[in-house]
Amino acid sequence: MHGFSIRLGGSSKVYGGNALNLGFTSEDTRASVERNRINFQKAIGASGPRSPWTLISVRQIHSDIIHRVSRESVSPLVGDGLVTDTPELLLAVLTADCLPVILVDARRRAVGVFHAGWRGTLKRIVEKGVGEMRRCFGSRARDLRAAIGPGIRGCCYEVGEEVRSKFATQFAYSDKLFRETKDADEIHLKYPLLFLTARAPGHSELPRKIFLDLVEANRRQLLAAGVPANHIATVDLCTSCRPDLLFSHRADKGKTGRMMAAVGIRK
């Protein structure tokens, strides 16, 4: 079983209305978050008759570090990926623009979840996740099913030239992951003759904007690792476009909650 949360239907008051914040943020109370987590686990079926499954997450650091878990860790885990073949452990990552990616091997009964921002994507965390499932559980890429959850999409994910340059050093197809636009300047549009006559050619060049398609970047990594295209599903929602439905660090200007992507194995 698996699930992706949205921002609606919780008990947190600090992010407008009854928000389902699932991260222990500085603005929210621990009691609200714990109540939200229990309700989320019940909603996705990760709860037994007496208590919810053990929830395992990591302190995310935009890395390619992946942990294999078989029980709750005594010390906090640091990294951006989790894999297991142990039933009734709920693996989870938190997001508010970065992509959550879930992998499931129904044949071997193994699962994984990964947090992929641009740094993790650059480090190929999802591609390495496929490799870790093969190493740990004998999973074959062709048996894996992948689900890419809601995140900031290519329509809104503006990045700098340095990000594009870093991707160009790692991926032969990097030019397919970026698009470029120019700012629309209202004064230029309203008084075009002023700029045609008052300035030398080239002096009115508008600034460029560069946008990264994280979904396509991670889809291509899954394909490169051998996951069939028809085994890859995506949730076509952009966090920045839909702050009414989803938490977005960018759209909410840094003060926002966290959504959860979770996966587990029933007994």
C-alpha atoms as a PDB file:
ATOM      1  CA  MET A   1       0.000   0.000   0.000  1.00  0.00           C
ATOM      2  CA  HIS A   2       1.088   3.577  -0.531  1.00  0.00           C
ATOM      3  CA  GLY A   3      -0.190   7.131  -0.408  1.00  0.00           C
ATOM      4  CA  PHE A   4       0.618  10.778  -1.101  1.00  0.00           C
ATOM      5  CA  SER A   5      -0.879  13.335   1.264  1.00  0.00           C
ATOM      6  CA  ILE A   6      -2.285  16.772   0.413  1.00  0.00           C
ATOM      7  CA  ARG A   7      -2.560  19.841   2.651  1.00  0.00           C
ATOM      8  CA  LEU A   8      -6.296  19.480   3.404  1.00  0.00           C
ATOM      9  CA  GLY A   9      -8.106  17.511   6.088  1.00  0.00           C
ATOM     10  CA  GLY A  10      -5.865  17.863   9.128  1.00  0.00           C
ATOM     11  CA  SER A  11      -5.843  19.593  12.506  1.00  0.00           C
ATOM     12  CA  SER A  12      -2.989  22.105  12.075  1.00  0.00           C
ATOM     13  CA  LYS A  13      -4.138  25.729  12.285  1.00  0.00           C
ATOM     14  CA  VAL A  14      -0.943  27.614  11.414  1.00  0.00           C
ATOM     15  CA  TYR A  15      -1.091  27.077   7.633  1.00  0.00           C
ATOM     16  CA  GLY A  16      -4.656  28.201   7.055  1.00  0.00           C
ATOM     17  CA  GLY A  17      -7.737  26.175   7.896  1.00  0.00           C
ATOM     18  CA  ASN A  18      -7.440  22.562   8.977  1.00  0.00           C
ATOM     19  CA  ALA A  19      -4.114  21.679   7.375  1.00  0.00           C
ATOM     20  CA  LEU A  20      -2.695  18.159   7.188  1.00  0.00           C
ATOM     21  CA  ASN A  21       0.862  19.114   8.064  1.00  0.00           C
ATOM     22  CA  LEU A  22       2.907  15.928   8.533  1.00  0.00           C
ATOM     23  CA  GLY A  23       6.303  17.494   9.270  1.00  0.00           C
ATOM     24  CA  PHE A  24       7.577  18.697  12.631  1.00  0.00           C
ATOM     25  CA  THR A  25       7.982  22.305  11.535  1.00  0.00           C
ATOM     26  CA  SER A  26       8.888  25.211  13.792  1.00  0.00           C
ATOM     27  CA  GLU A  27       5.463  26.843  13.391  1.00  0.00           C
ATOM     28  CA  ASP A  28       3.259  23.841  14.219  1.00  0.00           C
ATOM     29  CA  THR A  29       2.706  21.956  17.458  1.00  0.00           C
ATOM     30  CA  ARG A  30       4.000  18.429  17.895  1.00  0.00           C
ATOM     31  CA  ALA A  31       0.587  17.279  19.094  1.00  0.00           C
ATOM     32  CA  SER A  32      -1.090  18.463  15.884  1.00  0.00           C
ATOM     33  CA  VAL A  33       1.486  16.757  13.678  1.00  0.00           C
ATOM     34  CA  GLU A  34       1.258  13.475  15.577  1.00  0.00           C
ATOM     35  CA  ARG A  35      -2.545  13.559  15.316  1.00  0.00           C
ATOM     36  CA  ASN A  36      -2.266  14.285  11.578  1.00  0.00           C
ATOM     37  CA  ARG A  37       0.145  11.388  11.086  1.00  0.00           C
ATOM     38  CA  ILE A  38      -2.141   8.907  12.822  1.00  0.00           C
ATOM     39  CA  ASN A  39      -5.089  10.031  10.706  1.00  0.00           C
ATOM     40  CA  PHE A  40      -3.049   9.843   7.498  1.00  0.00           C
ATOM     41  CA  GLN A  41      -1.896   6.308   8.315  1.00  0.00           C
ATOM     42  CA  LYS A  42      -5.474   5.235   8.971  1.00  0.00           C
ATOM     43  CA  ALA A  43      -6.604   6.795   5.702  1.00  0.00           C
ATOM     44  CA  ILE A  44      -4.086   4.840   3.616  1.00  0.00           C
ATOM     45  CA  GLY A  45      -4.560   1.575   5.484  1.00  0.00           C
ATOM     46  CA  ALA A  46      -1.259   1.588   7.397  1.00  0.00           C
ATOM     47  CA  SER A  47      -2.852   0.929  10.743  1.00  0.00           C
ATOM     48  CA  GLY A  48      -3.626  -2.246  12.638  1.00  0.00           C
ATOM     49  CA  PRO A  49      -6.680  -2.856  14.826  1.00  0.00           C
ATOM     50  CA  ARG A  50      -4.903  -1.473  17.891  1.00  0.00           C
ATOM     51  CA  SER A  51      -2.104   0.762  16.644  1.00  0.00           C
ATOM     52  CA  PRO A  52      -0.662   2.249  13.441  1.00  0.00           C
ATOM     53  CA  TRP A  53       2.305   0.658  11.703  1.00  0.00           C
ATOM     54  CA  THR A  54       5.767   1.817  12.712  1.00  0.00           C
ATOM     55  CA  LEU A  55       6.542   4.975  10.752  1.00  0.00           C
ATOM     56  CA  ILE A  56      10.160   5.332   9.609  1.00  0.00           C
ATOM     57  CA  SER A  57      11.508   8.518   8.076  1.00  0.00           C
ATOM     58  CA  VAL A  58      14.883  10.182   7.625  1.00  0.00           C
ATOM     59  CA  ARG A  59      16.399  13.578   8.295  1.00  0.00           C
ATOM     60  CA  GLN A  60      16.592  14.675   4.685  1.00  0.00           C
ATOM     61  CA  ILE A  61      19.777  16.356   3.458  1.00  0.00           C
ATOM     62  CA  HIS A  62      19.386  16.377  -0.366  1.00  0.00           C
ATOM     63  CA  SER A  63      21.774  13.440  -0.731  1.00  0.00           C
ATOM     64  CA  ASP A  64      21.923  10.052  -2.450  1.00  0.00           C
ATOM     65  CA  ILE A  65      22.087   8.157   0.870  1.00  0.00           C
ATOM     66  CA  ILE A  66      19.659   5.225   1.052  1.00  0.00           C
ATOM     67  CA  HIS A  67      19.027   3.082   4.146  1.00  0.00           C
ATOM     68  CA  ARG A  68      17.772  -0.489   4.271  1.00  0.00           C
ATOM     69  CA  VAL A  69      15.556  -0.862   7.329  1.00  0.00           C
ATOM     70  CA  SER A  70      13.990  -3.869   9.022  1.00  0.00           C
ATOM     71  CA  ARG A  71      12.852  -2.223  12.259  1.00  0.00           C
ATOM     72  CA  GLU A  72      12.735   1.185  13.884  1.00  0.00           C
ATOM     73  CA  SER A  73      16.196   2.666  14.326  1.00  0.00           C
ATOM     74  CA  VAL A  74      17.417   3.654  17.781  1.00  0.00           C
ATOM     75  CA  SER A  75      19.242   6.708  16.402  1.00  0.00           C
ATOM     76  CA  PRO A  76      17.764   9.086  13.781  1.00  0.00           C
ATOM     77  CA  LEU A  77      18.515   8.137  10.170  1.00  0.00           C
ATOM     78  CA  VAL A  78      20.076  10.758   7.912  1.00  0.00           C
ATOM     79  CA  GLY A  79      19.662  10.540   4.145  1.00  0.00           C
ATOM     80  CA  ASP A  80      17.012  10.697   1.428  1.00  0.00           C
ATOM     81  CA  GLY A  81      15.940   7.147   0.682  1.00  0.00           C
ATOM     82  CA  LEU A  82      14.566   4.081   2.476  1.00  0.00           C
ATOM     83  CA  VAL A  83      14.027   0.483   1.336  1.00  0.00           C
ATOM     84  CA  THR A  84      12.576  -2.548   3.128  1.00  0.00           C
ATOM     85  CA  ASP A  85      11.051  -5.993   2.688  1.00  0.00           C
ATOM     86  CA  THR A  86       9.687  -6.082   6.254  1.00  0.00           C
ATOM     87  CA  PRO A  87       5.873  -5.986   6.527  1.00  0.00           C
ATOM     88  CA  GLU A  88       4.069  -3.296   8.509  1.00  0.00           C
ATOM     89  CA  LEU A  89       6.856  -0.752   8.402  1.00  0.00           C
ATOM     90  CA  LEU A  90       5.702   2.506   6.832  1.00  0.00           C
ATOM     91  CA  LEU A  91       8.572   4.187   4.954  1.00  0.00           C
ATOM     92  CA  ALA A  92       8.102   7.914   4.425  1.00  0.00           C
ATOM     93  CA  VAL A  93       9.683  11.073   3.052  1.00  0.00           C
ATOM     94  CA  LEU A  94       8.447  14.632   3.476  1.00  0.00           C
ATOM     95  CA  THR A  95       8.111  17.170   0.679  1.00  0.00           C
ATOM     96  CA  ALA A  96       6.901  20.688  -0.052  1.00  0.00           C
ATOM     97  CA  ASP A  97       8.162  21.066  -3.655  1.00  0.00           C
ATOM     98  CA  CYS A  98      10.753  18.309  -4.117  1.00  0.00           C
ATOM     99  CA  LEU A  99       9.590  15.080  -5.729  1.00  0.00           C
ATOM    100  CA  PRO A 100       8.661  11.963  -3.754  1.00  0.00           C
ATOM    101  CA  VAL A 101       9.274   8.731  -5.667  1.00  0.00           C
ATOM    102  CA  ILE A 102       7.963   5.325  -4.585  1.00  0.00           C
ATOM    103  CA  LEU A 103       9.210   1.960  -5.892  1.00  0.00           C
ATOM    104  CA  VAL A 104       7.388  -1.338  -5.398  1.00  0.00           C
ATOM    105  CA  ASP A 105       8.463  -4.879  -6.256  1.00  0.00           C
ATOM    106  CA  ALA A 106       5.334  -6.972  -5.792  1.00  0.00           C
ATOM    107  CA  ARG A 107       7.158 -10.158  -6.824  1.00  0.00           C
ATOM    108  CA  ARG A 108       9.842  -9.881  -4.115  1.00  0.00           C
ATOM    109  CA  ARG A 109       7.548  -7.970  -1.741  1.00  0.00           C
ATOM    110  CA  ALA A 110       9.926  -5.059  -1.304  1.00  0.00           C
ATOM    111  CA  VAL A 111       9.396  -1.296  -1.383  1.00  0.00           C
ATOM    112  CA  GLY A 112      11.352   1.946  -1.376  1.00  0.00           C
ATOM    113  CA  VAL A 113      10.702   5.677  -1.094  1.00  0.00           C
ATOM    114  CA  PHE A 114      12.995   8.534  -2.137  1.00  0.00           C
ATOM    115  CA  HIS A 115      13.212  12.309  -1.786  1.00  0.00           C
ATOM    116  CA  ALA A 116      14.391  13.895  -5.039  1.00  0.00           C
ATOM    117  CA  GLY A 117      15.044  17.609  -5.203  1.00  0.00           C
ATOM    118  CA  TRP A 118      17.426  18.921  -7.857  1.00  0.00           C
ATOM    119  CA  ARG A 119      20.468  17.965  -5.779  1.00  0.00           C
ATOM    120  CA  GLY A 120      19.268  14.419  -5.169  1.00  0.00           C
ATOM    121  CA  THR A 121      18.261  14.106  -8.804  1.00  0.00           C
ATOM    122  CA  LEU A 122      21.708  15.293  -9.890  1.00  0.00           C
ATOM    123  CA  LYS A 123      23.190  12.576  -7.653  1.00  0.00           C
ATOM    124  CA  ARG A 124      20.851   9.992  -9.270  1.00  0.00           C
ATOM    125  CA  ILE A 125      19.121   8.954  -6.058  1.00  0.00           C
ATOM    126  CA  VAL A 126      16.213   7.262  -7.873  1.00  0.00           C
ATOM    127  CA  GLU A 127      18.511   5.380 -10.235  1.00  0.00           C
ATOM    128  CA  LYS A 128      20.572   4.290  -7.222  1.00  0.00           C
ATOM    129  CA  GLY A 129      17.350   3.305  -5.475  1.00  0.00           C
ATOM    130  CA  VAL A 130      16.655   0.777  -8.228  1.00  0.00           C
ATOM    131  CA  GLY A 131      20.187  -0.542  -7.725  1.00  0.00           C
ATOM    132  CA  GLU A 132      19.737  -0.803  -3.964  1.00  0.00           C
ATOM    133  CA  MET A 133      16.553  -2.810  -4.364  1.00  0.00           C
ATOM    134  CA  ARG A 134      18.396  -5.169  -6.682  1.00  0.00           C
ATOM    135  CA  ARG A 135      21.326  -5.455  -4.257  1.00  0.00           C
ATOM    136  CA  CYS A 136      19.239  -5.877  -1.100  1.00  0.00           C
ATOM    137  CA  PHE A 137      16.287  -7.922  -2.332  1.00  0.00           C
ATOM    138  CA  GLY A 138      17.195  -9.286  -5.751  1.00  0.00           C
ATOM    139  CA  SER A 139      14.624  -7.034  -7.426  1.00  0.00           C
ATOM    140  CA  ARG A 140      14.648  -6.909 -11.215  1.00  0.00           C
ATOM    141  CA  ALA A 141      14.093  -3.501 -12.755  1.00  0.00           C
ATOM    142  CA  ARG A 142      11.465  -4.860 -15.117  1.00  0.00           C
ATOM    143  CA  ASP A 143       9.382  -5.981 -12.122  1.00  0.00           C
ATOM    144  CA  LEU A 144       9.409  -2.592 -10.401  1.00  0.00           C
ATOM    145  CA  ARG A 145       6.491  -0.188 -10.363  1.00  0.00           C
ATOM    146  CA  ALA A 146       7.248   3.494  -9.797  1.00  0.00           C
ATOM    147  CA  ALA A 147       4.995   6.337  -8.636  1.00  0.00           C
ATOM    148  CA  ILE A 148       6.205   9.930  -8.838  1.00  0.00           C
ATOM    149  CA  GLY A 149       4.158  12.092  -6.500  1.00  0.00           C
ATOM    150  CA  PRO A 150       3.215  15.768  -6.535  1.00  0.00           C
ATOM    151  CA  GLY A 151       6.047  18.284  -6.675  1.00  0.00           C
ATOM    152  CA  ILE A 152       7.036  21.500  -8.353  1.00  0.00           C
ATOM    153  CA  ARG A 153       6.908  20.930 -12.091  1.00  0.00           C
ATOM    154  CA  GLY A 154       8.626  22.368 -15.120  1.00  0.00           C
ATOM    155  CA  CYS A 155       6.016  25.111 -15.453  1.00  0.00           C
ATOM    156  CA  CYS A 156       7.175  26.747 -12.201  1.00  0.00           C
ATOM    157  CA  TYR A 157      10.572  25.362 -11.150  1.00  0.00           C
ATOM    158  CA  GLU A 158      12.879  28.247 -11.973  1.00  0.00           C
ATOM    159  CA  VAL A 159      16.587  27.546 -11.387  1.00  0.00           C
ATOM    160  CA  GLY A 160      19.866  29.303 -12.071  1.00  0.00           C
ATOM    161  CA  GLU A 161      22.339  28.780 -14.871  1.00  0.00           C
ATOM    162  CA  GLU A 162      24.634  26.961 -12.439  1.00  0.00           C
ATOM    163  CA  VAL A 163      22.039  24.197 -11.992  1.00  0.00           C
ATOM    164  CA  ARG A 164      21.704  23.735 -15.744  1.00  0.00           C
ATOM    165  CA  SER A 165      25.492  23.588 -16.073  1.00  0.00           C
ATOM    166  CA  LYS A 166      25.753  20.897 -13.388  1.00  0.00           C
ATOM    167  CA  PHE A 167      23.126  18.744 -15.098  1.00  0.00           C
ATOM    168  CA  ALA A 168      24.916  19.167 -18.418  1.00  0.00           C
ATOM    169  CA  THR A 169      28.035  17.534 -16.918  1.00  0.00           C
ATOM    170  CA  GLN A 170      26.062  14.477 -15.767  1.00  0.00           C
ATOM    171  CA  PHE A 171      23.343  13.747 -18.319  1.00  0.00           C
ATOM    172  CA  ALA A 172      23.648  13.557 -22.106  1.00  0.00           C
ATOM    173  CA  TYR A 173      19.967  14.459 -22.370  1.00  0.00           C
ATOM    174  CA  SER A 174      20.170  17.480 -20.033  1.00  0.00           C
ATOM    175  CA  ASP A 175      19.011  19.898 -22.756  1.00  0.00           C
ATOM    176  CA  LYS A 176      15.663  18.038 -22.761  1.00  0.00           C
ATOM    177  CA  LEU A 177      15.165  18.810 -19.064  1.00  0.00           C
ATOM    178  CA  PHE A 178      15.270  22.598 -19.277  1.00  0.00           C
ATOM    179  CA  ARG A 179      13.278  25.304 -20.995  1.00  0.00           C
ATOM    180  CA  GLU A 180      14.072  28.981 -21.249  1.00  0.00           C
ATOM    181  CA  THR A 181      11.833  32.038 -21.369  1.00  0.00           C
ATOM    182  CA  LYS A 182      12.233  35.804 -21.161  1.00  0.00           C
ATOM    183  CA  ASP A 183      10.431  38.117 -18.778  1.00  0.00           C
ATOM    184  CA  ALA A 184       7.475  39.966 -20.214  1.00  0.00           C
ATOM    185  CA  ASP A 185       8.131  43.651 -19.559  1.00  0.00           C
ATOM    186  CA  GLU A 186       4.891  45.678 -19.525  1.00  0.00           C
ATOM    187  CA  ILE A 187       6.673  48.918 -20.501  1.00  0.00           C
ATOM    188  CA  HIS A 188       8.392  47.204 -23.437  1.00  0.00           C
ATOM    189  CA  LEU A 189       5.034  45.854 -24.583  1.00  0.00           C
ATOM    190  CA  LYS A 190       3.190  49.153 -24.146  1.00  0.00           C
ATOM    191  CA  TYR A 191       5.824  51.441 -25.704  1.00  0.00           C
ATOM    192  CA  PRO A 192       7.837  49.299 -28.143  1.00  0.00           C
ATOM    193  CA  LEU A 193       8.859  52.273 -30.319  1.00  0.00           C
ATOM    194  CA  LEU A 194      10.527  53.980 -27.375  1.00  0.00           C
ATOM    195  CA  PHE A 195      12.966  51.098 -27.022  1.00  0.00           C
ATOM    196  CA  LEU A 196      13.456  50.719 -30.757  1.00  0.00           C
ATOM    197  CA  THR A 197      14.540  54.349 -31.161  1.00  0.00           C
ATOM    198  CA  ALA A 198      16.164  55.204 -27.849  1.00  0.00           C
ATOM    199  CA  ARG A 199      18.584  52.290 -27.469  1.00  0.00           C
ATOM    200  CA  ALA A 200      21.145  50.576 -29.585  1.00  0.00           C
ATOM    201  CA  PRO A 201      20.293  47.056 -30.791  1.00  0.00           C
ATOM    202  CA  GLY A 202      20.818  44.440 -28.113  1.00  0.00           C
ATOM    203  CA  HIS A 203      20.666  46.850 -25.172  1.00  0.00           C
ATOM    204  CA  SER A 204      17.050  46.048 -24.417  1.00  0.00           C
ATOM    205  CA  GLU A 205      17.592  42.310 -24.006  1.00  0.00           C
ATOM    206  CA  LEU A 206      15.241  40.972 -21.365  1.00  0.00           C
ATOM    207  CA  PRO A 207      16.513  38.659 -18.604  1.00  0.00           C
ATOM    208  CA  ARG A 208      16.219  34.920 -19.203  1.00  0.00           C
ATOM    209  CA  LYS A 209      14.398  32.477 -16.956  1.00  0.00           C
ATOM    210  CA  ILE A 210      15.424  28.819 -16.805  1.00  0.00           C
ATOM    211  CA  PHE A 211      13.013  26.083 -15.714  1.00  0.00           C
ATOM    212  CA  LEU A 212      13.873  22.491 -14.759  1.00  0.00           C
ATOM    213  CA  ASP A 213      11.520  19.546 -15.325  1.00  0.00           C
ATOM    214  CA  LEU A 214      12.269  17.369 -12.292  1.00  0.00           C
ATOM    215  CA  VAL A 215       9.590  14.853 -13.218  1.00  0.00           C
ATOM    216  CA  GLU A 216      11.151  14.160 -16.608  1.00  0.00           C
ATOM    217  CA  ALA A 217      14.625  14.019 -15.052  1.00  0.00           C
ATOM    218  CA  ASN A 218      13.565  11.285 -12.634  1.00  0.00           C
ATOM    219  CA  ARG A 219      11.469   9.448 -15.219  1.00  0.00           C
ATOM    220  CA  ARG A 220      14.536   9.215 -17.467  1.00  0.00           C
ATOM    221  CA  GLN A 221      16.609   7.854 -14.584  1.00  0.00           C
ATOM    222  CA  LEU A 222      14.048   5.139 -13.974  1.00  0.00           C
ATOM    223  CA  LEU A 223      14.062   4.250 -17.673  1.00  0.00           C
ATOM    224  CA  ALA A 224      17.866   4.206 -17.704  1.00  0.00           C
ATOM    225  CA  ALA A 225      17.819   1.808 -14.753  1.00  0.00           C
ATOM    226  CA  GLY A 226      15.540  -0.569 -16.674  1.00  0.00           C
ATOM    227  CA  VAL A 227      12.081   0.234 -15.298  1.00  0.00           C
ATOM    228  CA  PRO A 228       9.546  -0.106 -18.167  1.00  0.00           C
ATOM    229  CA  ALA A 229       7.875   3.133 -19.256  1.00  0.00           C
ATOM    230  CA  ASN A 230       4.408   1.687 -18.676  1.00  0.00           C
ATOM    231  CA  HIS A 231       5.396   0.897 -15.064  1.00  0.00           C
ATOM    232  CA  ILE A 232       5.996   4.579 -14.239  1.00  0.00           C
ATOM    233  CA  ALA A 233       3.035   6.648 -13.032  1.00  0.00           C
ATOM    234  CA  THR A 234       3.049  10.344 -12.168  1.00  0.00           C
ATOM    235  CA  VAL A 235       0.706  12.560 -10.197  1.00  0.00           C
ATOM    236  CA  ASP A 236       0.153  15.499 -12.542  1.00  0.00           C
ATOM    237  CA  LEU A 237      -0.097  18.203  -9.890  1.00  0.00           C
ATOM    238  CA  CYS A 238       2.322  21.096  -9.441  1.00  0.00           C
ATOM    239  CA  THR A 239       2.791  22.195  -5.845  1.00  0.00           C
ATOM    240  CA  SER A 240       3.528  25.788  -6.877  1.00  0.00           C
ATOM    241  CA  CYS A 241       0.434  25.992  -9.107  1.00  0.00           C
ATOM    242  CA  ARG A 242      -1.869  24.476  -6.470  1.00  0.00           C
ATOM    243  CA  PRO A 243      -1.042  25.940  -3.031  1.00  0.00           C
ATOM    244  CA  ASP A 244      -4.754  25.570  -2.278  1.00  0.00           C
ATOM    245  CA  LEU A 245      -4.337  21.785  -2.398  1.00  0.00           C
ATOM    246  CA  LEU A 246      -0.638  21.176  -1.761  1.00  0.00           C
ATOM    247  CA  PHE A 247       2.143  22.595   0.384  1.00  0.00           C
ATOM    248  CA  SER A 248       4.730  24.567  -1.599  1.00  0.00           C
ATOM    249  CA  HIS A 249       7.856  26.061  -0.075  1.00  0.00           C
ATOM    250  CA  ARG A 250       8.135  28.500  -2.979  1.00  0.00           C
ATOM    251  CA  ALA A 251       4.500  29.497  -3.328  1.00  0.00           C
ATOM    252  CA  ASP A 252       4.148  29.898   0.451  1.00  0.00           C
ATOM    253  CA  LYS A 253       7.431  31.855   0.630  1.00  0.00           C
ATOM    254  CA  GLY A 254       9.137  29.461   3.020  1.00  0.00           C
ATOM    255  CA  LYS A 255       6.436  29.239   5.697  1.00  0.00           C
ATOM    256  CA  THR A 256       4.626  26.029   4.902  1.00  0.00           C
ATOM    257  CA  GLY A 257       3.837  22.532   6.077  1.00  0.00           C
ATOM    258  CA  ARG A 258       5.045  19.205   4.732  1.00  0.00           C
ATOM    259  CA  MET A 259       3.319  16.493   2.744  1.00  0.00           C
ATOM    260  CA  MET A 260       4.188  12.842   3.128  1.00  0.00           C
ATOM    261  CA  ALA A 261       4.808  10.089   0.602  1.00  0.00           C
ATOM    262  CA  ALA A 262       4.567   6.690   2.272  1.00  0.00           C
ATOM    263  CA  VAL A 263       4.758   3.043   1.288  1.00  0.00           C
ATOM    264  CA  GLY A 264       4.566  -0.242   3.165  1.00  0.00           C
ATOM    265  CA  ILE A 265       3.917  -3.979   2.866  1.00  0.00           C
ATOM    266  CA  ARG A 266       0.919  -5.727   4.324  1.00  0.00           C
ATOM    267  CA  LYS A 267       1.390  -9.065   6.073  1.00  0.00           C
END
